[in-house]
């Protein structure tokens, strides 16, 4: 059986760090308020010359280096983003060109904060279907460019960054002991689209718009939706919470992360948390957290790792893989 195995990972963050203390001088908020309600202490903000494509390129290059590969070895690039450099062409094509890759194909995928999970599921389907052997999956965002910096309820939550992985087709035995993606569970429900959205777009207003969010509504739905796909992932594989080595959740809010882990009975020491350092980086959130735990040796070869996210739309999903 063909499995999609992680060969390499990489990250990229803007140069500028914006702390909660600095935000106190920009909007009516406080470090104590932000930390208590979200767990965020700082975030990275893209500066001049730093874009979704440039951050994604840097993360991709690091992932390729760790994999011992070059762009010539890649068949497909999938970029999960809600903040592309241009309305078109796709940021993936931009990154493909930046990498000097003139073969294969590339496209963007838009599922907001669930984008990286959707991207991994898509890459896995292409690999198992024989349409690609090696895929670069990139989550890259510059959410600072769509924030209303006078809205203290949203501007304190988000940051910029990029993370990438290389997925490679490898032969497996068809059991849950195989390395690679074991299952992907994806969901969406457009009935909730007005709870987390951007109030602009080419077809509606002709402007980029700003992020708008009903925070309490998002929080109310988050834990239940996340639990749904996690339970489905374990049901699909016959594995259980006890088999899990690491949970790598979308880094939106520490209270959502802790609430989900508690509801599922996952010990907090098995949960990777980087929300304090990065804030909510949307589609870049999971690959940034995943790379952090893999780089410092927490995630080891053979570990069972669960990725989960929920984003605007609503979209939500989970990927269960063996490292």
C-alpha atoms as a PDB file:
ATOM      1  CA  UNK A   1       0.000   0.000   0.000  1.00  0.00           C
ATOM      2  CA  UNK A   2       1.246   3.496  -0.857  1.00  0.00           C
ATOM      3  CA  UNK A   3       1.642   5.814   2.142  1.00  0.00           C
ATOM      4  CA  UNK A   4       2.436   9.540   2.188  1.00  0.00           C
ATOM      5  CA  UNK A   5       5.451   9.865   4.494  1.00  0.00           C
ATOM      6  CA  UNK A   6       6.938  13.107   5.842  1.00  0.00           C
ATOM      7  CA  UNK A   7      10.480  13.452   4.492  1.00  0.00           C
ATOM      8  CA  UNK A   8      11.297  16.974   5.663  1.00  0.00           C
ATOM      9  CA  UNK A   9       9.898  20.066   7.339  1.00  0.00           C
ATOM     10  CA  UNK A  10      10.715  23.766   7.421  1.00  0.00           C
ATOM     11  CA  UNK A  11       9.534  27.110   8.768  1.00  0.00           C
ATOM     12  CA  UNK A  12       9.900  30.815   8.141  1.00  0.00           C
ATOM     13  CA  UNK A  13       8.933  33.767  10.308  1.00  0.00           C
ATOM     14  CA  UNK A  14       9.075  37.514   9.648  1.00  0.00           C
ATOM     15  CA  UNK A  15      11.828  39.545  11.284  1.00  0.00           C
ATOM     16  CA  UNK A  16       9.566  41.714  13.420  1.00  0.00           C
ATOM     17  CA  UNK A  17       8.210  40.448  16.738  1.00  0.00           C
ATOM     18  CA  UNK A  18       5.161  42.284  18.109  1.00  0.00           C
ATOM     19  CA  UNK A  19       4.683  41.737  21.846  1.00  0.00           C
ATOM     20  CA  UNK A  20       1.552  42.218  23.904  1.00  0.00           C
ATOM     21  CA  UNK A  21       3.254  45.143  25.636  1.00  0.00           C
ATOM     22  CA  UNK A  22       3.654  46.908  22.312  1.00  0.00           C
ATOM     23  CA  UNK A  23      -0.007  46.270  21.497  1.00  0.00           C
ATOM     24  CA  UNK A  24      -0.961  48.077  24.704  1.00  0.00           C
ATOM     25  CA  UNK A  25       0.190  51.314  23.059  1.00  0.00           C
ATOM     26  CA  UNK A  26      -1.806  50.605  19.892  1.00  0.00           C
ATOM     27  CA  UNK A  27      -5.239  49.511  21.161  1.00  0.00           C
ATOM     28  CA  UNK A  28      -7.130  49.401  24.462  1.00  0.00           C
ATOM     29  CA  UNK A  29      -5.852  46.076  25.740  1.00  0.00           C
ATOM     30  CA  UNK A  30      -3.316  44.630  28.168  1.00  0.00           C
ATOM     31  CA  UNK A  31      -0.780  41.844  28.260  1.00  0.00           C
ATOM     32  CA  UNK A  32      -2.651  40.278  31.177  1.00  0.00           C
ATOM     33  CA  UNK A  33      -5.974  40.297  29.290  1.00  0.00           C
ATOM     34  CA  UNK A  34      -4.494  38.742  26.138  1.00  0.00           C
ATOM     35  CA  UNK A  35      -2.546  36.029  27.975  1.00  0.00           C
ATOM     36  CA  UNK A  36      -5.468  35.111  30.236  1.00  0.00           C
ATOM     37  CA  UNK A  37      -7.956  34.731  27.388  1.00  0.00           C
ATOM     38  CA  UNK A  38      -5.763  33.417  24.594  1.00  0.00           C
ATOM     39  CA  UNK A  39      -2.354  32.327  25.885  1.00  0.00           C
ATOM     40  CA  UNK A  40      -0.660  34.574  23.283  1.00  0.00           C
ATOM     41  CA  UNK A  41       2.395  36.576  24.371  1.00  0.00           C
ATOM     42  CA  UNK A  42       3.793  37.670  21.012  1.00  0.00           C
ATOM     43  CA  UNK A  43       3.392  37.258  17.264  1.00  0.00           C
ATOM     44  CA  UNK A  44       5.463  37.931  14.136  1.00  0.00           C
ATOM     45  CA  UNK A  45       4.440  40.654  11.690  1.00  0.00           C
ATOM     46  CA  UNK A  46       5.533  40.784   8.052  1.00  0.00           C
ATOM     47  CA  UNK A  47       7.448  43.887   7.051  1.00  0.00           C
ATOM     48  CA  UNK A  48       8.326  45.489   3.760  1.00  0.00           C
ATOM     49  CA  UNK A  49       9.369  42.890   1.218  1.00  0.00           C
ATOM     50  CA  UNK A  50       8.003  40.013   3.312  1.00  0.00           C
ATOM     51  CA  UNK A  51       4.984  38.357   1.707  1.00  0.00           C
ATOM     52  CA  UNK A  52       3.113  35.073   1.832  1.00  0.00           C
ATOM     53  CA  UNK A  53       5.159  33.874  -1.152  1.00  0.00           C
ATOM     54  CA  UNK A  54       8.547  34.898   0.279  1.00  0.00           C
ATOM     55  CA  UNK A  55       7.790  33.271   3.632  1.00  0.00           C
ATOM     56  CA  UNK A  56       6.451  30.153   1.911  1.00  0.00           C
ATOM     57  CA  UNK A  57       9.530  29.931  -0.291  1.00  0.00           C
ATOM     58  CA  UNK A  58      11.874  30.093   2.705  1.00  0.00           C
ATOM     59  CA  UNK A  59       9.915  27.395   4.564  1.00  0.00           C
ATOM     60  CA  UNK A  60       9.910  25.216   1.444  1.00  0.00           C
ATOM     61  CA  UNK A  61      13.669  25.538   0.981  1.00  0.00           C
ATOM     62  CA  UNK A  62      14.281  24.468   4.584  1.00  0.00           C
ATOM     63  CA  UNK A  63      11.936  21.496   4.187  1.00  0.00           C
ATOM     64  CA  UNK A  64      13.736  20.427   1.018  1.00  0.00           C
ATOM     65  CA  UNK A  65      17.120  20.762   2.730  1.00  0.00           C
ATOM     66  CA  UNK A  66      16.012  18.616   5.653  1.00  0.00           C
ATOM     67  CA  UNK A  67      14.674  16.023   3.214  1.00  0.00           C
ATOM     68  CA  UNK A  68      17.937  16.020   1.252  1.00  0.00           C
ATOM     69  CA  UNK A  69      15.996  16.939  -1.884  1.00  0.00           C
ATOM     70  CA  UNK A  70      15.799  19.786  -4.384  1.00  0.00           C
ATOM     71  CA  UNK A  71      12.929  21.380  -6.260  1.00  0.00           C
ATOM     72  CA  UNK A  72      13.753  19.052  -9.159  1.00  0.00           C
ATOM     73  CA  UNK A  73      12.516  16.139  -7.008  1.00  0.00           C
ATOM     74  CA  UNK A  74       9.071  17.682  -6.398  1.00  0.00           C
ATOM     75  CA  UNK A  75       6.036  16.896  -8.562  1.00  0.00           C
ATOM     76  CA  UNK A  76       3.430  19.128  -6.954  1.00  0.00           C
ATOM     77  CA  UNK A  77       3.252  22.203  -4.702  1.00  0.00           C
ATOM     78  CA  UNK A  78       0.115  22.874  -2.654  1.00  0.00           C
ATOM     79  CA  UNK A  79      -0.061  26.168  -0.777  1.00  0.00           C
ATOM     80  CA  UNK A  80      -2.735  26.585   1.882  1.00  0.00           C
ATOM     81  CA  UNK A  81      -3.379  30.295   2.370  1.00  0.00           C
ATOM     82  CA  UNK A  82      -6.116  32.879   2.850  1.00  0.00           C
ATOM     83  CA  UNK A  83      -3.723  35.762   2.195  1.00  0.00           C
ATOM     84  CA  UNK A  84      -2.217  35.217  -1.270  1.00  0.00           C
ATOM     85  CA  UNK A  85       0.229  37.684  -2.783  1.00  0.00           C
ATOM     86  CA  UNK A  86      -2.177  38.261  -5.666  1.00  0.00           C
ATOM     87  CA  UNK A  87      -5.793  37.433  -6.479  1.00  0.00           C
ATOM     88  CA  UNK A  88      -4.150  35.389  -9.220  1.00  0.00           C
ATOM     89  CA  UNK A  89      -1.934  33.678 -10.153  1.00  0.00           C
ATOM     90  CA  UNK A  90      -1.756  31.246  -7.261  1.00  0.00           C
ATOM     91  CA  UNK A  91       0.904  31.820  -4.617  1.00  0.00           C
ATOM     92  CA  UNK A  92       1.928  28.195  -5.241  1.00  0.00           C
ATOM     93  CA  UNK A  93       2.902  29.073  -8.808  1.00  0.00           C
ATOM     94  CA  UNK A  94       4.846  32.084  -7.490  1.00  0.00           C
ATOM     95  CA  UNK A  95       6.742  29.825  -5.078  1.00  0.00           C
ATOM     96  CA  UNK A  96       7.276  27.239  -7.810  1.00  0.00           C
ATOM     97  CA  UNK A  97       9.003  29.928  -9.896  1.00  0.00           C
ATOM     98  CA  UNK A  98      11.022  31.211  -6.931  1.00  0.00           C
ATOM     99  CA  UNK A  99      12.322  27.686  -6.374  1.00  0.00           C
ATOM    100  CA  UNK A 100      13.382  27.455 -10.006  1.00  0.00           C
ATOM    101  CA  UNK A 101      10.936  24.624 -10.620  1.00  0.00           C
ATOM    102  CA  UNK A 102       9.622  24.584 -14.203  1.00  0.00           C
ATOM    103  CA  UNK A 103       7.988  21.166 -14.258  1.00  0.00           C
ATOM    104  CA  UNK A 104       5.085  19.560 -12.406  1.00  0.00           C
ATOM    105  CA  UNK A 105       2.174  21.645 -11.197  1.00  0.00           C
ATOM    106  CA  UNK A 106       1.135  23.920  -8.338  1.00  0.00           C
ATOM    107  CA  UNK A 107      -2.062  25.346  -6.897  1.00  0.00           C
ATOM    108  CA  UNK A 108      -3.473  27.144  -3.865  1.00  0.00           C
ATOM    109  CA  UNK A 109      -6.007  25.708  -1.450  1.00  0.00           C
ATOM    110  CA  UNK A 110      -8.293  27.881   0.698  1.00  0.00           C
ATOM    111  CA  UNK A 111      -9.778  26.472   3.884  1.00  0.00           C
ATOM    112  CA  UNK A 112      -8.593  29.245   6.230  1.00  0.00           C
ATOM    113  CA  UNK A 113      -7.135  27.849   9.480  1.00  0.00           C
ATOM    114  CA  UNK A 114      -7.889  24.273   8.385  1.00  0.00           C
ATOM    115  CA  UNK A 115      -5.930  24.832   5.187  1.00  0.00           C
ATOM    116  CA  UNK A 116      -2.850  22.822   6.076  1.00  0.00           C
ATOM    117  CA  UNK A 117      -4.929  19.801   7.140  1.00  0.00           C
ATOM    118  CA  UNK A 118      -6.906  20.065   3.887  1.00  0.00           C
ATOM    119  CA  UNK A 119      -3.604  20.424   2.017  1.00  0.00           C
ATOM    120  CA  UNK A 120      -2.163  17.284   3.575  1.00  0.00           C
ATOM    121  CA  UNK A 121      -5.333  15.330   2.813  1.00  0.00           C
ATOM    122  CA  UNK A 122      -5.231  16.552  -0.800  1.00  0.00           C
ATOM    123  CA  UNK A 123      -1.543  15.714  -1.205  1.00  0.00           C
ATOM    124  CA  UNK A 124      -2.168  12.250   0.253  1.00  0.00           C
ATOM    125  CA  UNK A 125      -4.954  11.638  -2.266  1.00  0.00           C
ATOM    126  CA  UNK A 126      -2.728  12.720  -5.173  1.00  0.00           C
ATOM    127  CA  UNK A 127       0.109  10.504  -3.952  1.00  0.00           C
ATOM    128  CA  UNK A 128      -2.077   7.449  -3.385  1.00  0.00           C
ATOM    129  CA  UNK A 129      -3.748   8.073  -6.745  1.00  0.00           C
ATOM    130  CA  UNK A 130      -0.394   8.004  -8.522  1.00  0.00           C
ATOM    131  CA  UNK A 131      -0.561  11.634  -9.672  1.00  0.00           C
ATOM    132  CA  UNK A 132       2.521  12.678  -7.703  1.00  0.00           C
ATOM    133  CA  UNK A 133       5.407  11.016  -5.911  1.00  0.00           C
ATOM    134  CA  UNK A 134       6.655  13.952  -3.860  1.00  0.00           C
ATOM    135  CA  UNK A 135       4.551  16.932  -2.780  1.00  0.00           C
ATOM    136  CA  UNK A 136       5.495  20.166  -1.041  1.00  0.00           C
ATOM    137  CA  UNK A 137       2.636  21.158   1.265  1.00  0.00           C
ATOM    138  CA  UNK A 138       3.002  24.731   2.493  1.00  0.00           C
ATOM    139  CA  UNK A 139       0.895  26.743   4.928  1.00  0.00           C
ATOM    140  CA  UNK A 140       1.753  30.429   4.596  1.00  0.00           C
ATOM    141  CA  UNK A 141      -0.039  33.553   5.796  1.00  0.00           C
ATOM    142  CA  UNK A 142       0.302  37.304   6.255  1.00  0.00           C
ATOM    143  CA  UNK A 143      -2.870  37.892   8.255  1.00  0.00           C
ATOM    144  CA  UNK A 144      -1.512  41.202   9.530  1.00  0.00           C
ATOM    145  CA  UNK A 145      -2.430  42.612   6.097  1.00  0.00           C
ATOM    146  CA  UNK A 146      -6.167  41.914   6.564  1.00  0.00           C
ATOM    147  CA  UNK A 147      -6.507  42.889  10.223  1.00  0.00           C
ATOM    148  CA  UNK A 148      -8.392  45.941  11.473  1.00  0.00           C
ATOM    149  CA  UNK A 149      -5.748  47.313  13.824  1.00  0.00           C
ATOM    150  CA  UNK A 150      -8.392  49.345  15.682  1.00  0.00           C
ATOM    151  CA  UNK A 151     -10.378  46.201  16.588  1.00  0.00           C
ATOM    152  CA  UNK A 152      -8.873  44.962  19.835  1.00  0.00           C
ATOM    153  CA  UNK A 153     -10.920  41.748  19.730  1.00  0.00           C
ATOM    154  CA  UNK A 154      -9.170  40.476  16.590  1.00  0.00           C
ATOM    155  CA  UNK A 155      -5.868  42.310  16.031  1.00  0.00           C
ATOM    156  CA  UNK A 156      -4.300  40.786  19.153  1.00  0.00           C
ATOM    157  CA  UNK A 157      -4.935  37.216  17.971  1.00  0.00           C
ATOM    158  CA  UNK A 158      -3.179  36.809  14.641  1.00  0.00           C
ATOM    159  CA  UNK A 159       0.342  36.702  13.281  1.00  0.00           C
ATOM    160  CA  UNK A 160       2.309  35.902  10.137  1.00  0.00           C
ATOM    161  CA  UNK A 161       4.526  32.976   9.160  1.00  0.00           C
ATOM    162  CA  UNK A 162       4.941  29.854   7.066  1.00  0.00           C
ATOM    163  CA  UNK A 163       5.584  26.163   7.512  1.00  0.00           C
ATOM    164  CA  UNK A 164       6.155  23.388   4.991  1.00  0.00           C
ATOM    165  CA  UNK A 165       6.563  19.640   4.717  1.00  0.00           C
ATOM    166  CA  UNK A 166       7.660  17.283   1.970  1.00  0.00           C
ATOM    167  CA  UNK A 167       5.394  14.254   1.588  1.00  0.00           C
ATOM    168  CA  UNK A 168       6.799  11.266  -0.306  1.00  0.00           C
ATOM    169  CA  UNK A 169       5.194   8.078  -1.613  1.00  0.00           C
ATOM    170  CA  UNK A 170       6.578   5.036   0.198  1.00  0.00           C
ATOM    171  CA  UNK A 171       5.474   1.419   0.309  1.00  0.00           C
ATOM    172  CA  UNK A 172       3.618   0.387   3.454  1.00  0.00           C
ATOM    173  CA  UNK A 173       2.098  -2.842   4.693  1.00  0.00           C
ATOM    174  CA  UNK A 174      -1.381  -1.364   4.912  1.00  0.00           C
ATOM    175  CA  UNK A 175      -1.447  -1.487   8.707  1.00  0.00           C
ATOM    176  CA  UNK A 176      -1.544   1.228  11.353  1.00  0.00           C
ATOM    177  CA  UNK A 177       2.137   0.501  12.026  1.00  0.00           C
ATOM    178  CA  UNK A 178       3.002   2.063   8.646  1.00  0.00           C
ATOM    179  CA  UNK A 179       4.782   5.391   8.564  1.00  0.00           C
ATOM    180  CA  UNK A 180       2.875   8.201   6.865  1.00  0.00           C
ATOM    181  CA  UNK A 181      -0.697   9.452   6.692  1.00  0.00           C
ATOM    182  CA  UNK A 182      -3.099   6.847   8.104  1.00  0.00           C
ATOM    183  CA  UNK A 183      -6.359   8.775   7.697  1.00  0.00           C
ATOM    184  CA  UNK A 184      -7.720  12.250   7.011  1.00  0.00           C
ATOM    185  CA  UNK A 185     -11.112  13.505   8.148  1.00  0.00           C
ATOM    186  CA  UNK A 186     -12.467  16.737   6.641  1.00  0.00           C
ATOM    187  CA  UNK A 187     -15.661  18.695   7.334  1.00  0.00           C
ATOM    188  CA  UNK A 188     -17.276  22.044   6.513  1.00  0.00           C
ATOM    189  CA  UNK A 189     -20.561  23.832   7.189  1.00  0.00           C
ATOM    190  CA  UNK A 190     -21.210  27.090   5.375  1.00  0.00           C
ATOM    191  CA  UNK A 191     -24.098  27.957   7.678  1.00  0.00           C
ATOM    192  CA  UNK A 192     -21.487  29.491   9.981  1.00  0.00           C
ATOM    193  CA  UNK A 193     -19.715  31.656   7.392  1.00  0.00           C
ATOM    194  CA  UNK A 194     -20.671  34.987   9.002  1.00  0.00           C
ATOM    195  CA  UNK A 195     -19.113  34.017  12.331  1.00  0.00           C
ATOM    196  CA  UNK A 196     -15.561  34.285  10.961  1.00  0.00           C
ATOM    197  CA  UNK A 197     -14.977  35.975   7.610  1.00  0.00           C
ATOM    198  CA  UNK A 198     -13.334  38.835   5.718  1.00  0.00           C
ATOM    199  CA  UNK A 199     -15.690  41.654   4.709  1.00  0.00           C
ATOM    200  CA  UNK A 200     -14.265  42.099   1.223  1.00  0.00           C
ATOM    201  CA  UNK A 201     -13.252  40.344  -1.960  1.00  0.00           C
ATOM    202  CA  UNK A 202     -12.824  40.858  -5.732  1.00  0.00           C
ATOM    203  CA  UNK A 203     -16.405  39.868  -6.615  1.00  0.00           C
ATOM    204  CA  UNK A 204     -18.243  41.486  -3.691  1.00  0.00           C
ATOM    205  CA  UNK A 205     -16.528  44.768  -2.835  1.00  0.00           C
ATOM    206  CA  UNK A 206     -13.494  44.994  -5.082  1.00  0.00           C
ATOM    207  CA  UNK A 207     -11.371  45.425  -1.955  1.00  0.00           C
ATOM    208  CA  UNK A 208      -9.314  43.109   0.242  1.00  0.00           C
ATOM    209  CA  UNK A 209     -11.434  43.799   3.331  1.00  0.00           C
ATOM    210  CA  UNK A 210     -10.758  43.095   6.998  1.00  0.00           C
ATOM    211  CA  UNK A 211     -11.150  40.044   9.196  1.00  0.00           C
ATOM    212  CA  UNK A 212     -14.341  39.961  11.278  1.00  0.00           C
ATOM    213  CA  UNK A 213     -15.093  37.429  13.983  1.00  0.00           C
ATOM    214  CA  UNK A 214     -17.779  36.573  16.505  1.00  0.00           C
ATOM    215  CA  UNK A 215     -15.318  35.242  19.061  1.00  0.00           C
ATOM    216  CA  UNK A 216     -17.800  33.681  21.455  1.00  0.00           C
ATOM    217  CA  UNK A 217     -19.593  31.846  18.656  1.00  0.00           C
ATOM    218  CA  UNK A 218     -16.323  30.461  17.282  1.00  0.00           C
ATOM    219  CA  UNK A 219     -15.252  29.331  20.738  1.00  0.00           C
ATOM    220  CA  UNK A 220     -18.663  27.735  21.355  1.00  0.00           C
ATOM    221  CA  UNK A 221     -18.418  25.519  18.271  1.00  0.00           C
ATOM    222  CA  UNK A 222     -14.678  24.831  18.261  1.00  0.00           C
ATOM    223  CA  UNK A 223     -14.292  22.108  20.891  1.00  0.00           C
ATOM    224  CA  UNK A 224     -17.233  20.055  19.638  1.00  0.00           C
ATOM    225  CA  UNK A 225     -16.189  20.218  15.989  1.00  0.00           C
ATOM    226  CA  UNK A 226     -12.589  19.336  16.770  1.00  0.00           C
ATOM    227  CA  UNK A 227     -13.701  16.403  18.895  1.00  0.00           C
ATOM    228  CA  UNK A 228     -15.876  15.142  16.020  1.00  0.00           C
ATOM    229  CA  UNK A 229     -13.022  14.725  13.527  1.00  0.00           C
ATOM    230  CA  UNK A 230     -10.580  13.365  16.091  1.00  0.00           C
ATOM    231  CA  UNK A 231     -13.013  10.642  17.135  1.00  0.00           C
ATOM    232  CA  UNK A 232     -13.635   9.895  13.437  1.00  0.00           C
ATOM    233  CA  UNK A 233      -9.878   9.553  12.815  1.00  0.00           C
ATOM    234  CA  UNK A 234      -9.516   6.994  15.588  1.00  0.00           C
ATOM    235  CA  UNK A 235     -12.636   5.144  14.467  1.00  0.00           C
ATOM    236  CA  UNK A 236     -11.268   4.929  10.915  1.00  0.00           C
ATOM    237  CA  UNK A 237      -7.993   3.357  12.052  1.00  0.00           C
ATOM    238  CA  UNK A 238      -9.056   1.323  15.081  1.00  0.00           C
ATOM    239  CA  UNK A 239      -6.540   3.235  17.174  1.00  0.00           C
ATOM    240  CA  UNK A 240      -7.309   5.049  20.402  1.00  0.00           C
ATOM    241  CA  UNK A 241      -6.265   8.050  22.460  1.00  0.00           C
ATOM    242  CA  UNK A 242      -3.981   5.753  24.461  1.00  0.00           C
ATOM    243  CA  UNK A 243      -1.975   5.017  21.290  1.00  0.00           C
ATOM    244  CA  UNK A 244      -1.348   8.708  20.606  1.00  0.00           C
ATOM    245  CA  UNK A 245       2.109  10.174  21.160  1.00  0.00           C
ATOM    246  CA  UNK A 246       1.449  13.796  20.153  1.00  0.00           C
ATOM    247  CA  UNK A 247      -1.464  16.109  19.433  1.00  0.00           C
ATOM    248  CA  UNK A 248      -0.510  19.062  17.222  1.00  0.00           C
ATOM    249  CA  UNK A 249      -3.557  21.333  17.219  1.00  0.00           C
ATOM    250  CA  UNK A 250      -4.251  24.532  15.333  1.00  0.00           C
ATOM    251  CA  UNK A 251      -2.801  27.292  17.498  1.00  0.00           C
ATOM    252  CA  UNK A 252      -5.759  29.681  17.811  1.00  0.00           C
ATOM    253  CA  UNK A 253      -6.404  29.959  21.514  1.00  0.00           C
ATOM    254  CA  UNK A 254      -4.891  28.181  24.504  1.00  0.00           C
ATOM    255  CA  UNK A 255      -8.306  27.706  26.099  1.00  0.00           C
ATOM    256  CA  UNK A 256      -9.614  25.893  22.997  1.00  0.00           C
ATOM    257  CA  UNK A 257      -6.499  23.706  22.904  1.00  0.00           C
ATOM    258  CA  UNK A 258      -6.761  22.799  26.585  1.00  0.00           C
ATOM    259  CA  UNK A 259     -10.542  22.306  26.399  1.00  0.00           C
ATOM    260  CA  UNK A 260     -10.273  19.927  23.459  1.00  0.00           C
ATOM    261  CA  UNK A 261      -7.497  17.895  25.074  1.00  0.00           C
ATOM    262  CA  UNK A 262      -9.424  17.635  28.325  1.00  0.00           C
ATOM    263  CA  UNK A 263     -12.635  16.537  26.594  1.00  0.00           C
ATOM    264  CA  UNK A 264     -10.757  13.813  24.712  1.00  0.00           C
ATOM    265  CA  UNK A 265      -8.680  12.701  27.686  1.00  0.00           C
ATOM    266  CA  UNK A 266      -5.357  13.665  26.091  1.00  0.00           C
ATOM    267  CA  UNK A 267      -2.724  14.599  28.710  1.00  0.00           C
ATOM    268  CA  UNK A 268      -1.483  18.161  28.232  1.00  0.00           C
ATOM    269  CA  UNK A 269       2.110  16.923  28.209  1.00  0.00           C
ATOM    270  CA  UNK A 270       1.280  15.248  24.868  1.00  0.00           C
ATOM    271  CA  UNK A 271       0.012  18.498  23.323  1.00  0.00           C
ATOM    272  CA  UNK A 272       2.327  20.725  21.257  1.00  0.00           C
ATOM    273  CA  UNK A 273       1.665  24.400  22.041  1.00  0.00           C
ATOM    274  CA  UNK A 274       3.273  27.357  20.243  1.00  0.00           C
ATOM    275  CA  UNK A 275       0.384  29.832  20.362  1.00  0.00           C
ATOM    276  CA  UNK A 276       2.272  31.858  22.966  1.00  0.00           C
ATOM    277  CA  UNK A 277       5.098  32.519  20.483  1.00  0.00           C
ATOM    278  CA  UNK A 278       3.291  32.805  17.145  1.00  0.00           C
ATOM    279  CA  UNK A 279      -0.322  33.728  17.849  1.00  0.00           C
ATOM    280  CA  UNK A 280      -2.853  32.421  15.340  1.00  0.00           C
ATOM    281  CA  UNK A 281      -1.069  32.073  11.993  1.00  0.00           C
ATOM    282  CA  UNK A 282      -4.042  30.380  10.308  1.00  0.00           C
ATOM    283  CA  UNK A 283      -2.855  27.802   7.732  1.00  0.00           C
ATOM    284  CA  UNK A 284       0.754  28.204   8.908  1.00  0.00           C
ATOM    285  CA  UNK A 285      -0.165  27.315  12.483  1.00  0.00           C
ATOM    286  CA  UNK A 286       0.061  23.517  12.375  1.00  0.00           C
ATOM    287  CA  UNK A 287       3.259  23.216  10.293  1.00  0.00           C
ATOM    288  CA  UNK A 288       4.986  25.769  12.543  1.00  0.00           C
ATOM    289  CA  UNK A 289       4.007  23.797  15.661  1.00  0.00           C
ATOM    290  CA  UNK A 290       4.818  20.454  14.022  1.00  0.00           C
ATOM    291  CA  UNK A 291       8.276  21.642  12.983  1.00  0.00           C
ATOM    292  CA  UNK A 292       8.961  23.009  16.463  1.00  0.00           C
ATOM    293  CA  UNK A 293       8.298  19.643  18.111  1.00  0.00           C
ATOM    294  CA  UNK A 294      10.138  17.672  15.426  1.00  0.00           C
ATOM    295  CA  UNK A 295      13.189  19.951  15.467  1.00  0.00           C
ATOM    296  CA  UNK A 296      13.665  19.741  19.241  1.00  0.00           C
ATOM    297  CA  UNK A 297      13.317  15.958  19.253  1.00  0.00           C
ATOM    298  CA  UNK A 298       9.947  15.607  20.931  1.00  0.00           C
ATOM    299  CA  UNK A 299       8.386  14.016  17.856  1.00  0.00           C
ATOM    300  CA  UNK A 300      10.428  10.968  16.886  1.00  0.00           C
ATOM    301  CA  UNK A 301      10.334   8.443  14.064  1.00  0.00           C
ATOM    302  CA  UNK A 302       7.467   6.025  14.596  1.00  0.00           C
ATOM    303  CA  UNK A 303       5.439   8.371  16.825  1.00  0.00           C
ATOM    304  CA  UNK A 304       1.687   8.565  16.268  1.00  0.00           C
ATOM    305  CA  UNK A 305       0.818  12.218  15.626  1.00  0.00           C
ATOM    306  CA  UNK A 306      -2.601  13.817  15.331  1.00  0.00           C
ATOM    307  CA  UNK A 307      -3.098  17.151  13.563  1.00  0.00           C
ATOM    308  CA  UNK A 308      -6.397  19.006  13.926  1.00  0.00           C
ATOM    309  CA  UNK A 309      -7.776  22.419  13.001  1.00  0.00           C
ATOM    310  CA  UNK A 310     -10.911  24.510  12.660  1.00  0.00           C
ATOM    311  CA  UNK A 311     -11.271  27.653  10.590  1.00  0.00           C
ATOM    312  CA  UNK A 312     -13.630  30.117   8.974  1.00  0.00           C
ATOM    313  CA  UNK A 313     -16.432  28.699   6.920  1.00  0.00           C
ATOM    314  CA  UNK A 314     -16.606  26.760   9.213  1.00  0.00           C
ATOM    315  CA  UNK A 315     -14.076  24.197   8.038  1.00  0.00           C
ATOM    316  CA  UNK A 316     -12.489  21.615  10.291  1.00  0.00           C
ATOM    317  CA  UNK A 317     -10.454  18.462   9.959  1.00  0.00           C
ATOM    318  CA  UNK A 318      -7.863  16.051  11.312  1.00  0.00           C
ATOM    319  CA  UNK A 319      -4.964  14.017   9.962  1.00  0.00           C
ATOM    320  CA  UNK A 320      -3.575  11.027  11.827  1.00  0.00           C
ATOM    321  CA  UNK A 321      -0.076  10.012  10.765  1.00  0.00           C
ATOM    322  CA  UNK A 322       2.914   8.024  11.909  1.00  0.00           C
ATOM    323  CA  UNK A 323       6.106  10.074  11.866  1.00  0.00           C
END
